[in-house]
Amino acid sequence: MDKLQTPDAEHLDPWLRIVQITSWLLFTAREEIGQIQCPVWQKYLPKNKAAQDQPQPLMTIAQTQRAIHLLFRTFDPSPFLPLKCKKGKGRQKGLTFPKRTRFKVVKKIKKSIRKLKNQ
């Protein structure tokens, strides 16, 4: 976040609000992320069983930011999926369209030949 600093003083207040809100969200999400950090298939391992018995040290904001994708994966993805749409009715039976008019193909000529024609 240090590369996104604003050089204008008028944009400083909104920027500080955004930084405060994101820091607060990461601070409050650290407990939930600490609970889901270990994948389900690794919970039976001895080191993870011993870690479950001991209290977990709280994560910093930077550690939470790196692991926030684990929390996002637990969300229901259905509101974010594209909506299904119905196909069109298509052309009705017996409907015919008039034939398109064909135009003669006109090719560009080189500049040197064009200059000779104009003289």
N, C-alpha and C. Protein backbone atom coordinates (compact mmCIF):
# COMPACT_ATOMS: atom_id res chain seq x y z
N MET A 1 0.81 -1.20 0.00
CA MET A 1 0.00 0.00 0.00
C MET A 1 0.86 1.26 0.00
N ASP A 2 2.15 1.13 0.23
CA ASP A 2 2.99 2.32 0.28
C ASP A 2 3.19 2.94 -1.10
N LYS A 3 2.98 2.19 -2.18
CA LYS A 3 3.16 2.72 -3.53
C LYS A 3 1.92 3.47 -4.02
N LEU A 4 0.83 3.42 -3.29
CA LEU A 4 -0.41 4.07 -3.72
C LEU A 4 -0.65 5.41 -3.03
N GLN A 5 0.38 6.00 -2.47
CA GLN A 5 0.19 7.26 -1.77
C GLN A 5 -0.13 8.37 -2.75
N THR A 6 -0.96 9.30 -2.30
CA THR A 6 -1.40 10.38 -3.17
C THR A 6 -0.51 11.62 -2.99
N PRO A 7 -0.16 12.29 -4.09
CA PRO A 7 0.66 13.50 -3.96
C PRO A 7 -0.17 14.76 -3.70
N ASP A 8 -1.49 14.69 -3.86
CA ASP A 8 -2.34 15.87 -3.70
C ASP A 8 -2.91 15.93 -2.29
N ALA A 9 -2.89 17.12 -1.70
CA ALA A 9 -3.41 17.28 -0.34
C ALA A 9 -4.93 17.14 -0.30
N GLU A 10 -5.62 17.48 -1.38
CA GLU A 10 -7.08 17.40 -1.38
C GLU A 10 -7.59 15.95 -1.39
N HIS A 11 -6.74 15.03 -1.86
CA HIS A 11 -7.13 13.62 -1.90
C HIS A 11 -6.67 12.86 -0.66
N LEU A 12 -6.02 13.55 0.26
CA LEU A 12 -5.45 12.88 1.42
C LEU A 12 -6.51 12.35 2.37
N ASP A 13 -7.56 13.11 2.64
CA ASP A 13 -8.60 12.66 3.57
C ASP A 13 -9.32 11.40 3.08
N PRO A 14 -9.79 11.36 1.83
CA PRO A 14 -10.41 10.11 1.37
C PRO A 14 -9.43 8.94 1.38
N TRP A 15 -8.18 9.21 1.05
CA TRP A 15 -7.19 8.15 1.05
C TRP A 15 -6.98 7.60 2.46
N LEU A 16 -6.90 8.48 3.46
CA LEU A 16 -6.73 8.02 4.83
C LEU A 16 -7.93 7.22 5.31
N ARG A 17 -9.12 7.60 4.89
CA ARG A 17 -10.31 6.83 5.27
C ARG A 17 -10.26 5.42 4.69
N ILE A 18 -9.83 5.32 3.44
CA ILE A 18 -9.73 4.00 2.80
C ILE A 18 -8.70 3.14 3.52
N VAL A 19 -7.56 3.72 3.86
CA VAL A 19 -6.51 2.98 4.55
C VAL A 19 -6.99 2.54 5.93
N GLN A 20 -7.70 3.41 6.64
CA GLN A 20 -8.21 3.06 7.95
C GLN A 20 -9.22 1.92 7.88
N ILE A 21 -10.12 1.99 6.90
CA ILE A 21 -11.15 0.95 6.76
C ILE A 21 -10.51 -0.39 6.40
N THR A 22 -9.56 -0.39 5.46
CA THR A 22 -8.92 -1.65 5.09
C THR A 22 -8.10 -2.22 6.24
N SER A 23 -7.42 -1.38 6.98
CA SER A 23 -6.66 -1.86 8.14
C SER A 23 -7.59 -2.46 9.18
N TRP A 24 -8.71 -1.81 9.42
CA TRP A 24 -9.67 -2.33 10.40
C TRP A 24 -10.26 -3.66 9.94
N LEU A 25 -10.57 -3.78 8.64
CA LEU A 25 -11.11 -5.04 8.13
C LEU A 25 -10.09 -6.17 8.25
N LEU A 26 -8.84 -5.89 7.93
CA LEU A 26 -7.82 -6.91 8.07
C LEU A 26 -7.59 -7.26 9.54
N PHE A 27 -7.67 -6.27 10.41
CA PHE A 27 -7.50 -6.53 11.84
C PHE A 27 -8.60 -7.42 12.38
N THR A 28 -9.83 -7.16 11.96
CA THR A 28 -10.95 -7.98 12.47
C THR A 28 -11.02 -9.35 11.80
N ALA A 29 -10.48 -9.49 10.60
CA ALA A 29 -10.55 -10.77 9.90
C ALA A 29 -9.45 -11.74 10.33
N ARG A 30 -8.50 -11.28 11.12
CA ARG A 30 -7.36 -12.14 11.45
C ARG A 30 -7.76 -13.35 12.29
N GLU A 31 -8.78 -13.21 13.13
CA GLU A 31 -9.21 -14.36 13.95
C GLU A 31 -9.87 -15.43 13.08
N GLU A 32 -10.70 -15.00 12.14
CA GLU A 32 -11.37 -15.96 11.28
C GLU A 32 -10.39 -16.66 10.34
N ILE A 33 -9.39 -15.94 9.87
CA ILE A 33 -8.40 -16.55 8.98
C ILE A 33 -7.54 -17.53 9.75
N GLY A 34 -7.23 -17.23 10.99
CA GLY A 34 -6.44 -18.15 11.81
C GLY A 34 -7.14 -19.48 12.01
N GLN A 35 -8.46 -19.50 11.99
CA GLN A 35 -9.21 -20.74 12.18
C GLN A 35 -9.23 -21.60 10.93
N ILE A 36 -9.13 -21.00 9.74
CA ILE A 36 -9.24 -21.77 8.51
C ILE A 36 -7.92 -21.89 7.77
N GLN A 37 -6.81 -21.59 8.42
CA GLN A 37 -5.53 -21.60 7.74
C GLN A 37 -5.09 -23.01 7.35
N CYS A 38 -5.33 -23.98 8.14
CA CYS A 38 -4.91 -25.34 7.85
C CYS A 38 -5.95 -26.02 6.95
N PRO A 39 -5.52 -26.59 5.80
CA PRO A 39 -6.47 -27.30 4.94
C PRO A 39 -7.06 -28.52 5.65
N VAL A 40 -8.23 -28.93 5.24
CA VAL A 40 -8.95 -30.02 5.90
C VAL A 40 -8.15 -31.32 5.85
N TRP A 41 -7.49 -31.61 4.74
CA TRP A 41 -6.79 -32.88 4.59
C TRP A 41 -5.48 -32.93 5.38
N GLN A 42 -5.06 -31.80 5.98
CA GLN A 42 -3.83 -31.79 6.77
C GLN A 42 -4.10 -31.72 8.27
N LYS A 43 -5.35 -31.74 8.67
CA LYS A 43 -5.66 -31.59 10.10
C LYS A 43 -5.27 -32.82 10.91
N TYR A 44 -5.11 -33.99 10.26
CA TYR A 44 -4.75 -35.20 10.98
C TYR A 44 -3.26 -35.30 11.27
N LEU A 45 -2.43 -34.48 10.64
CA LEU A 45 -0.98 -34.54 10.86
C LEU A 45 -0.64 -34.19 12.30
N PRO A 46 0.41 -34.82 12.86
CA PRO A 46 0.75 -34.57 14.28
C PRO A 46 1.06 -33.11 14.59
N LYS A 47 1.75 -32.43 13.67
CA LYS A 47 2.09 -31.03 13.97
C LYS A 47 0.85 -30.14 14.01
N ASN A 48 -0.17 -30.46 13.18
CA ASN A 48 -1.39 -29.67 13.19
C ASN A 48 -2.28 -30.02 14.38
N LYS A 49 -2.24 -31.28 14.82
CA LYS A 49 -3.02 -31.65 16.02
C LYS A 49 -2.45 -30.95 17.25
N ALA A 50 -1.12 -30.88 17.33
CA ALA A 50 -0.49 -30.20 18.47
C ALA A 50 -0.77 -28.70 18.40
N ALA A 51 -0.82 -28.16 17.20
CA ALA A 51 -1.09 -26.72 17.04
C ALA A 51 -2.52 -26.38 17.40
N GLN A 52 -3.45 -27.34 17.23
CA GLN A 52 -4.85 -27.07 17.58
C GLN A 52 -5.04 -27.00 19.09
N ASP A 53 -4.22 -27.74 19.84
CA ASP A 53 -4.34 -27.73 21.30
C ASP A 53 -3.83 -26.44 21.91
N GLN A 54 -2.83 -25.83 21.29
CA GLN A 54 -2.24 -24.61 21.82
C GLN A 54 -2.95 -23.40 21.26
N PRO A 55 -3.00 -22.31 22.02
CA PRO A 55 -3.61 -21.09 21.47
C PRO A 55 -2.73 -20.52 20.36
N GLN A 56 -3.37 -20.09 19.29
CA GLN A 56 -2.66 -19.56 18.13
C GLN A 56 -2.23 -18.11 18.40
N PRO A 57 -1.00 -17.75 18.03
CA PRO A 57 -0.63 -16.33 18.14
C PRO A 57 -1.41 -15.52 17.10
N LEU A 58 -1.78 -14.31 17.47
CA LEU A 58 -2.56 -13.48 16.56
C LEU A 58 -1.72 -13.05 15.37
N MET A 59 -2.36 -13.01 14.21
CA MET A 59 -1.67 -12.64 12.98
C MET A 59 -1.55 -11.13 12.87
N THR A 60 -0.51 -10.68 12.20
CA THR A 60 -0.38 -9.26 11.93
C THR A 60 -1.26 -8.89 10.74
N ILE A 61 -1.37 -7.60 10.46
CA ILE A 61 -2.19 -7.15 9.33
C ILE A 61 -1.59 -7.64 8.02
N ALA A 62 -0.27 -7.65 7.91
CA ALA A 62 0.38 -8.11 6.67
C ALA A 62 0.16 -9.61 6.45
N GLN A 63 0.24 -10.40 7.52
CA GLN A 63 -0.02 -11.84 7.40
C GLN A 63 -1.48 -12.08 7.02
N THR A 64 -2.37 -11.29 7.57
CA THR A 64 -3.79 -11.42 7.24
C THR A 64 -4.03 -11.08 5.78
N GLN A 65 -3.37 -10.06 5.29
CA GLN A 65 -3.54 -9.66 3.89
C GLN A 65 -3.07 -10.77 2.94
N ARG A 66 -1.99 -11.46 3.30
CA ARG A 66 -1.50 -12.55 2.45
C ARG A 66 -2.43 -13.76 2.48
N ALA A 67 -3.16 -13.96 3.56
CA ALA A 67 -3.99 -15.15 3.71
C ALA A 67 -5.49 -14.87 3.57
N ILE A 68 -5.87 -13.66 3.17
CA ILE A 68 -7.29 -13.30 3.11
C ILE A 68 -8.04 -14.11 2.05
N HIS A 69 -7.32 -14.63 1.05
CA HIS A 69 -7.99 -15.43 0.02
C HIS A 69 -8.63 -16.68 0.60
N LEU A 70 -8.09 -17.19 1.71
CA LEU A 70 -8.70 -18.35 2.36
C LEU A 70 -10.09 -18.01 2.88
N LEU A 71 -10.26 -16.82 3.39
CA LEU A 71 -11.57 -16.39 3.88
C LEU A 71 -12.51 -16.14 2.72
N PHE A 72 -12.01 -15.55 1.64
CA PHE A 72 -12.87 -15.26 0.49
C PHE A 72 -13.37 -16.53 -0.18
N ARG A 73 -12.59 -17.61 -0.12
CA ARG A 73 -13.02 -18.86 -0.73
C ARG A 73 -14.19 -19.50 0.00
N THR A 74 -14.43 -19.11 1.24
CA THR A 74 -15.54 -19.68 2.00
C THR A 74 -16.87 -19.01 1.66
N PHE A 75 -16.84 -17.90 0.94
CA PHE A 75 -18.07 -17.20 0.57
C PHE A 75 -18.83 -17.98 -0.49
N ASP A 76 -20.14 -17.78 -0.53
CA ASP A 76 -20.98 -18.40 -1.54
C ASP A 76 -20.74 -17.71 -2.88
N PRO A 77 -20.29 -18.44 -3.92
CA PRO A 77 -19.97 -17.78 -5.19
C PRO A 77 -21.17 -17.50 -6.08
N SER A 78 -22.36 -17.98 -5.72
CA SER A 78 -23.51 -17.85 -6.62
C SER A 78 -23.89 -16.41 -6.95
N PRO A 79 -23.78 -15.42 -6.07
CA PRO A 79 -24.11 -14.05 -6.50
C PRO A 79 -23.12 -13.48 -7.52
N PHE A 80 -21.92 -14.04 -7.59
CA PHE A 80 -20.89 -13.50 -8.47
C PHE A 80 -20.80 -14.23 -9.80
N LEU A 81 -21.54 -15.33 -9.95
CA LEU A 81 -21.49 -16.09 -11.20
C LEU A 81 -22.30 -15.37 -12.27
N PRO A 82 -21.94 -15.55 -13.54
CA PRO A 82 -22.71 -14.91 -14.61
C PRO A 82 -24.11 -15.51 -14.70
N LEU A 83 -25.08 -14.68 -15.03
CA LEU A 83 -26.46 -15.13 -15.12
C LEU A 83 -26.67 -15.91 -16.41
N LYS A 84 -27.53 -16.93 -16.33
CA LYS A 84 -27.86 -17.70 -17.52
C LYS A 84 -28.92 -16.94 -18.31
N CYS A 85 -28.78 -16.96 -19.62
CA CYS A 85 -29.74 -16.25 -20.44
C CYS A 85 -30.39 -17.22 -21.42
N LYS A 86 -31.59 -16.87 -21.86
CA LYS A 86 -32.31 -17.71 -22.81
C LYS A 86 -31.83 -17.38 -24.22
N LYS A 87 -31.82 -18.41 -25.05
CA LYS A 87 -31.43 -18.17 -26.44
C LYS A 87 -32.58 -17.48 -27.16
N GLY A 88 -32.27 -16.83 -28.26
CA GLY A 88 -33.28 -16.15 -29.05
C GLY A 88 -34.24 -17.13 -29.71
N LYS A 89 -35.36 -16.63 -30.21
CA LYS A 89 -36.37 -17.49 -30.84
C LYS A 89 -35.90 -18.02 -32.18
N GLY A 90 -35.03 -17.31 -32.83
CA GLY A 90 -34.55 -17.75 -34.14
C GLY A 90 -35.49 -17.28 -35.25
N ARG A 91 -35.19 -17.68 -36.47
CA ARG A 91 -35.99 -17.27 -37.62
C ARG A 91 -37.25 -18.13 -37.69
N GLN A 92 -38.38 -17.50 -37.97
CA GLN A 92 -39.63 -18.25 -38.09
C GLN A 92 -39.64 -19.04 -39.39
N LYS A 93 -40.35 -20.13 -39.39
CA LYS A 93 -40.40 -21.00 -40.56
C LYS A 93 -41.09 -20.28 -41.72
N GLY A 94 -40.51 -20.37 -42.89
CA GLY A 94 -41.08 -19.77 -44.08
C GLY A 94 -40.70 -18.32 -44.29
N LEU A 95 -40.00 -17.71 -43.39
CA LEU A 95 -39.60 -16.30 -43.52
C LEU A 95 -38.37 -16.21 -44.41
N THR A 96 -38.44 -15.40 -45.44
CA THR A 96 -37.29 -15.20 -46.32
C THR A 96 -36.95 -13.73 -46.37
N PHE A 97 -35.67 -13.45 -46.49
CA PHE A 97 -35.19 -12.09 -46.57
C PHE A 97 -34.82 -11.78 -48.01
N PRO A 98 -34.92 -10.52 -48.43
CA PRO A 98 -34.52 -10.17 -49.80
C PRO A 98 -33.01 -10.34 -49.95
N LYS A 99 -32.57 -10.68 -51.15
CA LYS A 99 -31.15 -10.87 -51.39
C LYS A 99 -30.42 -9.53 -51.29
N ARG A 100 -29.22 -9.58 -50.79
CA ARG A 100 -28.43 -8.37 -50.66
C ARG A 100 -27.92 -7.94 -52.02
N THR A 101 -27.83 -6.65 -52.18
CA THR A 101 -27.30 -6.14 -53.45
C THR A 101 -25.79 -6.27 -53.45
N ARG A 102 -25.27 -6.75 -54.55
CA ARG A 102 -23.82 -6.91 -54.69
C ARG A 102 -23.26 -5.70 -55.40
N PHE A 103 -22.19 -5.17 -54.84
CA PHE A 103 -21.53 -4.02 -55.43
C PHE A 103 -20.24 -4.46 -56.09
N LYS A 104 -19.83 -3.72 -57.11
CA LYS A 104 -18.62 -4.02 -57.83
C LYS A 104 -17.41 -3.73 -56.92
N VAL A 105 -16.41 -4.58 -56.98
CA VAL A 105 -15.21 -4.42 -56.17
C VAL A 105 -14.35 -3.33 -56.79
N VAL A 106 -13.98 -2.35 -55.99
CA VAL A 106 -13.14 -1.26 -56.45
C VAL A 106 -11.82 -1.36 -55.71
N LYS A 107 -10.74 -1.51 -56.48
CA LYS A 107 -9.42 -1.64 -55.86
C LYS A 107 -8.69 -0.31 -55.93
N LYS A 108 -7.86 -0.08 -54.95
CA LYS A 108 -7.05 1.14 -54.94
C LYS A 108 -5.95 1.01 -55.99
N ILE A 109 -5.60 2.12 -56.58
CA ILE A 109 -4.50 2.12 -57.53
C ILE A 109 -3.32 2.86 -56.91
N LYS A 110 -2.15 2.55 -57.41
CA LYS A 110 -0.95 3.16 -56.85
C LYS A 110 -0.92 4.66 -57.12
N LYS A 111 -0.19 5.38 -56.27
CA LYS A 111 -0.13 6.84 -56.38
C LYS A 111 0.48 7.28 -57.71
N SER A 112 1.49 6.56 -58.17
CA SER A 112 2.15 6.99 -59.42
C SER A 112 1.19 6.90 -60.60
N ILE A 113 0.38 5.85 -60.65
CA ILE A 113 -0.59 5.70 -61.73
C ILE A 113 -1.68 6.76 -61.60
N ARG A 114 -2.10 7.07 -60.40
CA ARG A 114 -3.13 8.07 -60.17
C ARG A 114 -2.65 9.45 -60.63
N LYS A 115 -1.38 9.76 -60.39
CA LYS A 115 -0.84 11.05 -60.83
C LYS A 115 -0.84 11.14 -62.35
N LEU A 116 -0.53 10.03 -63.03
CA LEU A 116 -0.53 10.04 -64.49
C LEU A 116 -1.94 10.25 -65.04
N LYS A 117 -2.94 9.66 -64.39
CA LYS A 117 -4.33 9.80 -64.86
C LYS A 117 -4.82 11.23 -64.69
N ASN A 118 -4.40 11.89 -63.60
CA ASN A 118 -4.85 13.23 -63.30
C ASN A 118 -4.20 14.27 -64.23
N GLN A 119 -3.06 13.97 -64.82
CA GLN A 119 -2.36 14.94 -65.68
C GLN A 119 -2.91 14.99 -67.06
